[in-house]
Protein backbone atom coordinates (compact mmCIF):
# COMPACT_ATOMS: atom_id res chain seq x y z
CA UNK A 1 56.99 124.67 81.51
CA UNK A 2 55.41 123.61 84.79
CA UNK A 3 56.93 125.15 87.91
CA UNK A 4 57.94 123.28 91.05
CA UNK A 5 58.76 124.82 94.42
CA UNK A 6 61.29 122.91 96.52
CA UNK A 7 62.22 123.47 100.16
CA UNK A 8 65.45 122.10 101.65
CA UNK A 9 66.68 122.76 105.18
CA UNK A 10 70.35 123.46 105.84
CA UNK A 11 72.43 124.22 108.95
CA UNK A 12 75.53 125.56 107.17
CA UNK A 13 76.20 128.68 105.13
CA UNK A 14 76.91 128.75 101.40
CA UNK A 15 80.68 128.67 101.86
CA UNK A 16 80.28 125.05 102.97
CA UNK A 17 79.11 121.93 101.18
CA UNK A 18 76.97 119.11 102.49
CA UNK A 19 75.86 115.78 101.08
CA UNK A 20 72.25 116.95 100.73
CA UNK A 21 73.23 119.90 98.58
CA UNK A 22 75.60 117.77 96.49
CA UNK A 23 72.79 115.22 96.05
CA UNK A 24 70.31 117.89 94.93
CA UNK A 25 72.79 119.56 92.57
CA UNK A 26 73.35 116.18 90.93
CA UNK A 27 69.66 115.91 89.96
CA UNK A 28 69.00 119.62 89.40
CA UNK A 29 69.91 119.70 85.71
CA UNK A 30 67.75 116.66 84.90
CA UNK A 31 64.85 118.06 86.94
CA UNK A 32 65.11 121.41 85.14
CA UNK A 33 64.31 119.65 81.84
CA UNK A 34 60.75 119.13 83.11
CA UNK A 35 60.18 121.90 85.66
CA UNK A 36 60.98 125.53 86.28
CA UNK A 37 62.59 125.17 89.71
CA UNK A 38 61.92 127.61 92.53
CA UNK A 39 64.42 126.56 95.21
CA UNK A 40 64.16 127.74 98.81
CA UNK A 41 66.76 127.01 101.49
CA UNK A 42 65.56 127.15 105.09
CA UNK A 43 68.62 128.03 107.14
CA UNK A 44 68.74 126.99 110.78
CA UNK A 45 71.72 128.16 112.80
CA UNK A 46 71.81 128.79 116.54
CA UNK A 47 70.98 132.41 115.85
CA UNK A 48 69.65 134.22 112.82
CA UNK A 49 72.63 135.11 110.66
CA UNK A 50 72.08 136.72 107.28
CA UNK A 51 74.20 134.74 104.84
CA UNK A 52 76.05 136.05 101.83
CA UNK A 53 76.93 134.35 98.56
CA UNK A 54 73.48 132.84 98.01
CA UNK A 55 73.36 131.05 94.64
CA UNK A 56 71.73 133.04 91.89
CA UNK A 57 67.96 132.63 91.52
CA UNK A 58 67.71 130.78 94.83
CA UNK A 59 66.09 132.06 98.01
CA UNK A 60 66.92 131.77 101.70
CA UNK A 61 64.50 131.81 104.60
CA UNK A 62 65.46 131.74 108.28
CA UNK A 63 63.92 129.36 110.78
CA UNK A 64 63.82 132.08 113.46
CA UNK A 65 61.14 133.85 111.39
CA UNK A 66 58.70 130.95 111.90
CA UNK A 67 57.05 129.41 114.93
CA UNK A 68 56.87 125.87 113.55
CA UNK A 69 57.13 123.86 110.34
CA UNK A 70 53.45 124.34 109.47
CA UNK A 71 53.99 128.10 109.47
CA UNK A 72 56.74 127.51 106.92
CA UNK A 73 54.62 125.37 104.61
CA UNK A 74 51.66 127.76 104.84
CA UNK A 75 53.77 130.77 103.86
CA UNK A 76 56.15 129.22 101.34
CA UNK A 77 53.80 126.55 99.90
CA UNK A 78 56.50 124.11 98.70
CA UNK A 79 55.51 121.30 96.38
CA UNK A 80 58.42 119.19 97.63
CA UNK A 81 60.29 119.13 100.92
CA UNK A 82 63.59 117.28 100.57
CA UNK A 83 64.94 115.74 103.75
CA UNK A 84 68.35 116.95 104.84
CA UNK A 85 69.37 114.68 107.73
CA UNK A 86 66.41 112.47 108.50
CA UNK A 87 65.39 111.84 111.26
CA UNK A 88 66.80 115.08 112.68
CA UNK A 89 64.38 117.07 114.82
CA UNK A 90 63.93 119.64 112.05
CA UNK A 91 63.31 117.00 109.38
CA UNK A 92 60.77 115.26 111.60
CA UNK A 93 58.97 118.57 112.05
CA UNK A 94 58.66 118.90 108.27
CA UNK A 95 57.53 115.29 107.92
CA UNK A 96 54.69 116.15 110.31
CA UNK A 97 53.98 119.39 108.44
CA UNK A 98 53.82 117.57 105.10
CA UNK A 99 51.17 115.23 106.51
CA UNK A 100 49.07 118.29 107.34
CA UNK A 101 49.65 120.21 104.12
CA UNK A 102 49.82 119.79 100.34
CA UNK A 103 53.61 119.39 100.36
CA UNK A 104 55.24 116.08 99.48
CA UNK A 105 58.09 114.90 101.73
CA UNK A 106 61.04 113.19 100.02
CA UNK A 107 63.93 111.45 101.70
CA UNK A 108 66.94 109.53 100.48
CA UNK A 109 68.83 106.91 102.45
CA UNK A 110 72.37 105.80 101.71
CA UNK A 111 74.76 103.20 102.99
CA UNK A 112 78.41 102.79 102.07
CA UNK A 113 79.32 99.41 100.61
CA UNK A 114 82.99 98.70 101.35
CA UNK A 115 85.27 96.24 99.58
CA UNK A 116 85.44 94.28 102.84
CA UNK A 117 81.65 93.93 103.05
CA UNK A 118 81.62 92.54 99.51
CA UNK A 119 84.45 90.08 100.09
CA UNK A 120 82.77 88.84 103.26
CA UNK A 121 79.35 88.90 101.58
CA UNK A 122 77.96 91.05 104.38
CA UNK A 123 74.37 92.19 104.30
CA UNK A 124 73.46 95.84 104.74
CA UNK A 125 72.49 95.04 108.32
CA UNK A 126 76.00 93.77 109.06
CA UNK A 127 77.49 96.95 107.60
CA UNK A 128 75.63 99.08 110.13
CA UNK A 129 77.34 100.53 113.18
CA UNK A 130 78.07 98.15 116.03
CA UNK A 131 75.45 98.17 118.76
CA UNK A 132 77.48 98.52 121.93
CA UNK A 133 77.49 100.55 125.18
CA UNK A 134 80.43 102.75 124.16
CA UNK A 135 78.61 103.71 120.98
CA UNK A 136 75.60 104.72 123.08
CA UNK A 137 77.75 106.79 125.47
CA UNK A 138 79.52 108.57 122.61
CA UNK A 139 76.17 109.30 120.98
CA UNK A 140 74.80 110.74 124.21
CA UNK A 141 77.88 112.90 124.69
CA UNK A 142 77.57 114.18 121.13
CA UNK A 143 74.33 115.92 122.10
CA UNK A 144 76.39 118.47 123.95
CA UNK A 145 78.88 119.17 121.19
CA UNK A 146 78.40 121.53 118.30
CA UNK A 147 78.09 120.18 114.78
CA UNK A 148 78.78 123.58 113.28
CA UNK A 149 81.71 123.95 110.94
CA UNK A 150 84.90 125.66 112.14
CA UNK A 151 84.21 128.64 109.90
CA UNK A 152 80.74 129.15 111.34
CA UNK A 153 82.05 128.77 114.87
CA UNK A 154 84.55 131.55 114.31
CA UNK A 155 82.12 133.87 112.59
CA UNK A 156 78.82 133.39 114.31
CA UNK A 157 78.49 131.50 117.55
CA UNK A 158 81.76 130.47 119.18
CA UNK A 159 80.30 130.94 122.67
CA UNK A 160 76.78 129.77 121.90
CA UNK A 161 75.15 127.37 124.33
CA UNK A 162 74.66 124.22 122.26
CA UNK A 163 72.14 122.78 124.70
CA UNK A 164 69.98 125.87 124.19
CA UNK A 165 69.99 125.27 120.43
CA UNK A 166 69.07 121.61 120.94
CA UNK A 167 66.12 122.72 123.08
CA UNK A 168 65.16 125.22 120.39
CA UNK A 169 64.93 122.42 117.82
CA UNK A 170 62.91 120.27 120.23
CA UNK A 171 60.57 123.20 120.74
CA UNK A 172 60.22 123.71 116.97
CA UNK A 173 59.26 120.05 116.55
CA UNK A 174 56.94 120.08 119.56
CA UNK A 175 55.08 123.20 118.37
CA UNK A 176 54.72 121.64 114.93
CA UNK A 177 53.20 118.49 116.40
CA UNK A 178 50.82 120.45 118.64
CA UNK A 179 49.66 122.56 115.69
CA UNK A 180 49.29 119.65 113.24
CA UNK A 181 46.13 117.64 112.68
CA UNK A 182 47.89 114.32 113.09
CA UNK A 183 46.49 111.67 115.38
CA UNK A 184 47.96 111.68 118.87
CA UNK A 185 49.57 108.28 118.31
CA UNK A 186 51.36 109.55 115.16
CA UNK A 187 52.57 112.63 117.01
CA UNK A 188 54.04 110.44 119.75
CA UNK A 189 55.78 108.21 117.20
CA UNK A 190 57.42 111.21 115.54
CA UNK A 191 58.53 112.73 118.85
CA UNK A 192 59.94 109.44 120.18
CA UNK A 193 61.73 108.86 116.87
CA UNK A 194 63.57 112.15 117.28
CA UNK A 195 64.57 111.45 120.88
CA UNK A 196 65.58 107.88 120.12
CA UNK A 197 67.80 108.80 117.20
CA UNK A 198 69.55 111.53 119.18
CA UNK A 199 70.49 108.99 121.83
CA UNK A 200 71.38 106.23 119.40
CA UNK A 201 72.00 107.34 115.81
CA UNK A 202 72.31 104.02 113.99
CA UNK A 203 72.19 104.61 110.24
CA UNK A 204 70.48 103.74 108.03
CA UNK A 205 67.37 104.84 109.89
CA UNK A 206 64.51 102.38 109.43
CA UNK A 207 61.19 103.00 111.15
CA UNK A 208 58.08 101.39 109.70
CA UNK A 209 55.93 103.92 111.59
CA UNK A 210 57.28 106.82 109.57
CA UNK A 211 56.91 106.75 105.80
CA UNK A 212 57.67 109.69 103.49
CA UNK A 213 55.75 110.35 100.27
CA UNK A 214 58.75 109.30 98.17
CA UNK A 215 61.95 107.57 99.18
CA UNK A 216 65.19 106.61 97.47
CA UNK A 217 67.94 104.24 98.52
CA UNK A 218 71.31 103.98 96.85
CA UNK A 219 71.99 100.23 96.74
CA UNK A 220 70.01 97.01 96.49
CA UNK A 221 71.34 95.63 99.78
CA UNK A 222 69.84 98.60 101.64
CA UNK A 223 66.49 98.03 99.95
CA UNK A 224 66.61 94.38 100.99
CA UNK A 225 67.41 95.37 104.57
CA UNK A 226 64.39 97.68 104.64
CA UNK A 227 62.13 94.91 103.42
CA UNK A 228 63.59 92.54 106.02
CA UNK A 229 62.75 95.08 108.72
CA UNK A 230 59.13 95.23 107.47
CA UNK A 231 59.76 98.67 106.02
CA UNK A 232 58.04 98.91 102.67
CA UNK A 233 55.82 101.38 100.86
CA UNK A 234 54.87 101.72 97.17
CA UNK A 235 57.18 104.68 96.57
CA UNK A 236 60.39 103.14 97.91
CA UNK A 237 62.86 103.02 95.01
CA UNK A 238 66.40 101.75 94.47
CA UNK A 239 68.00 104.34 92.19
CA UNK A 240 71.75 104.41 92.77
CA UNK A 241 73.79 107.46 93.75
CA UNK A 242 73.28 110.45 91.42
CA UNK A 243 76.41 112.26 92.62
CA UNK A 244 78.43 109.79 90.53
CA UNK A 245 76.35 110.08 87.34
CA UNK A 246 78.50 112.47 85.36
CA UNK A 247 81.63 110.51 86.24
CA UNK A 248 80.17 107.24 85.02
CA UNK A 249 79.16 108.99 81.80
CA UNK A 250 82.65 110.42 81.39
CA UNK A 251 84.21 107.03 82.03
CA UNK A 252 81.91 105.31 79.58
CA UNK A 253 82.86 107.84 76.89
CA UNK A 254 86.47 108.57 77.75
CA UNK A 255 89.40 107.90 75.48
CA UNK A 256 92.79 106.72 76.69
CA UNK A 257 94.83 109.65 77.98
CA UNK A 258 98.59 109.84 78.30
CA UNK A 259 100.13 110.45 81.71
CA UNK A 260 101.10 114.06 82.33
CA UNK A 261 104.66 115.29 82.55
CA UNK A 262 105.36 115.88 85.35
CA UNK A 263 103.00 113.29 86.85
CA UNK A 264 100.14 115.05 88.64
CA UNK A 265 99.84 113.58 92.15
CA UNK A 266 96.79 114.55 94.20
CA UNK A 267 96.85 114.01 97.95
CA UNK A 268 93.25 113.80 99.15
CA UNK A 269 93.50 114.29 102.89
CA UNK A 270 91.18 111.69 104.38
CA UNK A 271 91.59 110.20 107.87
CA UNK A 272 93.51 107.37 109.45
CA UNK A 273 91.65 104.48 111.01
CA UNK A 274 93.25 105.15 114.38
CA UNK A 275 90.81 107.11 116.55
CA UNK A 276 93.45 108.02 119.15
CA UNK A 277 96.36 109.11 116.94
CA UNK A 278 94.53 110.02 113.74
CA UNK A 279 95.38 113.73 113.67
CA UNK A 280 99.03 113.12 114.60
CA UNK A 281 99.28 110.39 111.95
CA UNK A 282 97.76 112.75 109.37
CA UNK A 283 100.25 115.56 110.00
CA UNK A 284 103.23 113.18 110.02
CA UNK A 285 102.09 111.47 106.82
CA UNK A 286 101.51 114.73 104.97
CA UNK A 287 104.98 115.99 105.86
CA UNK A 288 106.56 112.69 104.74
CA UNK A 289 104.64 112.63 101.46
CA UNK A 290 105.47 116.26 100.68
CA UNK A 291 109.14 115.68 101.40
CA UNK A 292 109.30 112.56 99.24
CA UNK A 293 107.50 113.97 96.19
CA UNK A 294 109.33 117.30 96.35
CA UNK A 295 112.66 115.53 95.93
CA UNK A 296 111.86 114.90 92.26
CA UNK A 297 109.93 117.86 90.87
CA UNK A 298 110.95 117.09 87.30
CA UNK A 299 108.88 113.90 87.40
CA UNK A 300 106.19 114.61 90.01
CA UNK A 301 103.96 117.57 90.86
CA UNK A 302 102.08 117.41 94.16
CA UNK A 303 98.83 119.17 95.07
CA UNK A 304 96.75 118.75 98.23
CA UNK A 305 92.96 118.82 98.63
CA UNK A 306 91.55 119.42 102.11
CA UNK A 307 87.98 118.78 103.23
CA UNK A 308 85.84 121.93 102.66
CA UNK A 309 84.85 122.27 106.32
CA UNK A 310 86.47 119.78 108.69
CA UNK A 311 90.11 120.76 108.10
CA UNK A 312 91.78 123.93 109.34
CA UNK A 313 93.59 125.36 106.33
CA UNK A 314 96.27 127.26 108.27
CA UNK A 315 97.40 124.16 110.17
CA UNK A 316 97.96 122.14 107.01
CA UNK A 317 99.47 125.03 105.06
CA UNK A 318 102.02 125.62 107.82
CA UNK A 319 103.19 121.99 107.79
CA UNK A 320 103.19 121.52 104.02
CA UNK A 321 104.87 124.79 103.12
CA UNK A 322 107.51 124.26 105.81
CA UNK A 323 108.67 121.45 103.49
CA UNK A 324 107.82 122.90 100.07
CA UNK A 325 106.15 126.25 99.47
CA UNK A 326 105.40 125.38 95.84
CA UNK A 327 102.78 122.75 96.73
CA UNK A 328 99.27 123.93 95.86
CA UNK A 329 96.69 123.48 98.63
CA UNK A 330 92.96 123.59 97.89
CA UNK A 331 89.99 123.52 100.24
CA UNK A 332 86.90 125.04 98.64
CA UNK A 333 84.63 122.85 96.58
CA UNK A 334 84.45 119.11 96.10
CA UNK A 335 87.34 116.85 95.25
CA UNK A 336 85.94 115.39 92.01
CA UNK A 337 87.34 117.97 89.61
CA UNK A 338 90.77 117.71 91.22
CA UNK A 339 90.74 113.93 90.80
CA UNK A 340 89.76 114.34 87.17
CA UNK A 341 92.80 116.56 86.50
CA UNK A 342 95.23 114.29 88.35
CA UNK A 343 97.10 111.18 87.22
CA UNK A 344 97.11 109.38 90.57
CA UNK A 345 95.27 109.82 93.89
CA UNK A 346 96.96 109.35 97.25
CA UNK A 347 94.80 108.93 100.38
CA UNK A 348 95.08 107.63 103.93
CA UNK A 349 93.60 104.48 105.48
CA UNK A 350 89.99 105.50 106.12
CA UNK A 351 87.89 104.72 103.05
CA UNK A 352 85.48 107.46 101.96
CA UNK A 353 83.57 108.44 98.81
CA UNK A 354 86.80 110.04 97.59
CA UNK A 355 87.88 106.53 96.60
CA UNK A 356 84.75 105.97 94.49
CA UNK A 357 85.37 108.99 92.26
CA UNK A 358 88.88 107.81 91.44
CA UNK A 359 87.78 104.23 90.79
CA UNK A 360 85.03 105.38 88.42
CA UNK A 361 87.52 107.42 86.39
CA UNK A 362 90.01 104.54 86.50
CA UNK A 363 92.62 106.65 88.25
CA UNK A 364 95.22 104.69 90.24
CA UNK A 365 94.74 105.03 93.99
CA UNK A 366 97.50 104.61 96.57
CA UNK A 367 96.64 104.18 100.25
CA UNK A 368 99.43 105.33 102.55
CA UNK A 369 99.49 102.88 105.42
CA UNK A 370 102.59 104.23 107.16
CA UNK A 371 101.49 103.14 110.64
CA UNK A 372 100.67 99.48 110.01
CA UNK A 373 96.90 99.76 110.45
CA UNK A 374 94.62 96.89 109.51
CA UNK A 375 93.09 97.63 106.13
CA UNK A 376 89.67 96.41 104.97
CA UNK A 377 89.74 92.96 103.44
CA UNK A 378 89.69 93.08 99.65
CA UNK A 379 90.91 96.66 99.35
CA UNK A 380 94.15 95.68 97.60
CA UNK A 381 92.11 94.26 94.73
CA UNK A 382 91.18 97.87 93.95
CA UNK A 383 94.10 100.03 95.07
CA UNK A 384 97.83 100.03 95.76
CA UNK A 385 99.28 100.28 99.26
CA UNK A 386 102.39 102.20 100.29
CA UNK A 387 103.84 101.32 103.69
CA UNK A 388 107.09 103.29 103.47
CA UNK A 389 107.20 107.00 102.49
CA UNK A 390 110.59 106.51 100.83
CA UNK A 391 108.96 104.07 98.37
CA UNK A 392 106.10 106.36 97.37
CA UNK A 393 107.63 107.45 94.07
CA UNK A 394 108.19 103.84 93.04
CA UNK A 395 104.65 102.96 94.13
CA UNK A 396 103.25 105.76 91.96
CA UNK A 397 105.14 104.55 88.89
CA UNK A 398 104.02 100.97 89.51
CA UNK A 399 100.40 102.06 89.95
CA UNK A 400 100.40 103.96 86.67
CA UNK A 401 101.94 100.99 84.87
CA UNK A 402 99.74 98.20 86.26
CA UNK A 403 96.44 99.77 87.33
CA UNK A 404 94.67 98.30 84.28
CA UNK A 405 95.04 94.84 85.83
CA UNK A 406 92.59 95.88 88.57
CA UNK A 407 89.82 97.07 86.23
CA UNK A 408 87.75 93.89 86.41
CA UNK A 409 87.68 93.87 90.22
CA UNK A 410 86.96 97.59 90.25
CA UNK A 411 84.00 97.16 87.91
CA UNK A 412 82.60 94.34 90.06
CA UNK A 413 82.89 96.53 93.15
CA UNK A 414 81.25 99.54 91.49
CA UNK A 415 78.31 97.44 90.28
CA UNK A 416 77.57 96.55 93.90
CA UNK A 417 78.50 99.81 95.60
CA UNK A 418 76.64 102.08 93.14
CA UNK A 419 73.70 99.84 92.10
CA UNK A 420 74.27 100.60 88.41
CA UNK A 421 77.14 102.12 86.48
CA UNK A 422 75.04 103.61 83.68
CA UNK A 423 75.14 107.17 85.05
CA UNK A 424 71.34 107.36 85.04
CA UNK A 425 70.51 107.56 88.76
CA UNK A 426 69.38 111.18 88.42
CA UNK A 427 67.01 110.21 85.60
CA UNK A 428 65.47 107.46 87.74
CA UNK A 429 64.98 109.93 90.60
CA UNK A 430 63.44 112.63 88.43
CA UNK A 431 61.04 110.21 86.75
CA UNK A 432 59.89 109.09 90.21
CA UNK A 433 59.29 112.72 91.18
CA UNK A 434 57.31 113.33 87.99
CA UNK A 435 55.19 110.26 88.71
CA UNK A 436 54.56 111.47 92.26
CA UNK A 437 53.52 114.93 91.08
CA UNK A 438 51.26 113.61 88.32
CA UNK A 439 49.59 110.70 90.06
CA UNK A 440 49.34 111.65 93.72
CA UNK A 441 47.30 114.17 95.63
CA UNK A 442 47.15 115.20 99.27
CA UNK A 443 43.86 117.01 98.91
């Protein structure tokens, strides 16, 4: 079997998860049917920190051991470099390095399609972040905040000067550009792209001056937006979102299952739409939900899933167990397996990918809108809404009884939000990679 060496950058240890890693894991099995995979993670933290718990048969390199991205490609000789957070300064450095080496640079771009955007027939451009002065100010201020996870902050660099790390990444990019054989105009375009995106990060990032060797987008509306912005190259592909593949396959093959006794209720702790009272709302809502469900343990069993990195476990445990110590609280790993084992999912008002997993598996979803926030238009075609904690048990029973009436609207939404519901996004991606490897050369 032919071997393939893949390099992916990461700024988080292996106790955390990130969309890039989830994305790669979702295509890894399909890719391994055609290649023997040699996977290398390039870890960049504010200081060199030897990580533990590295996945078996995978390797870790540390950015502090290299002067620039070309040094990395010369030593490690990757066949593919998969973008992590394009156009971050580190990703731009590796885009420049790929243009001066035999490595292919791959990036994937995603955009979330909400029920409201479908009901209003919004284009991908209209879904993008609002272009306003406050957004610019917040983006500028974010340069001086740390993106590191709470766990990393505690363990590695609580007092680290974030500005110094930002300058380190600029220096890494600058040294890469100086060392590369790119034309001066291309070097300037890459450098200005990095500065511009730091000051105004407006996803999806579309820049017709910077093309990768292979690019994927998750939905047709994003592809159409790229074309509208004069962004097109022969290896731009609409493929769908591979992280949902196995769930579409399970749904397409699943048999009707009876509701558990007691009913398994999963609270997926998302956010509230309120930016000023969101944390307070979250704590109050969790306490109310725990109190309500715990009143009837013969019929309902509650478990709680926290975000792997953005939630502080002790804070939530203290509040939940003050009401009911028997409630199971989970944080490690992704939420998908917990949704699969539950009968109903309860979330808050901010819509995330958590919703998609439940909709694919046809699990009833209840949004707790206890604080009268304005919900996205069209959302009640897909989910149930609880506005009073005392009615949550009744809402759960209603959702289990009548969720099948929403299946048609759910299927229509998934067809748009996921491009295709065949569970074959990973196959489309891998076939594109095979074509790139077989039919392209940088020599």
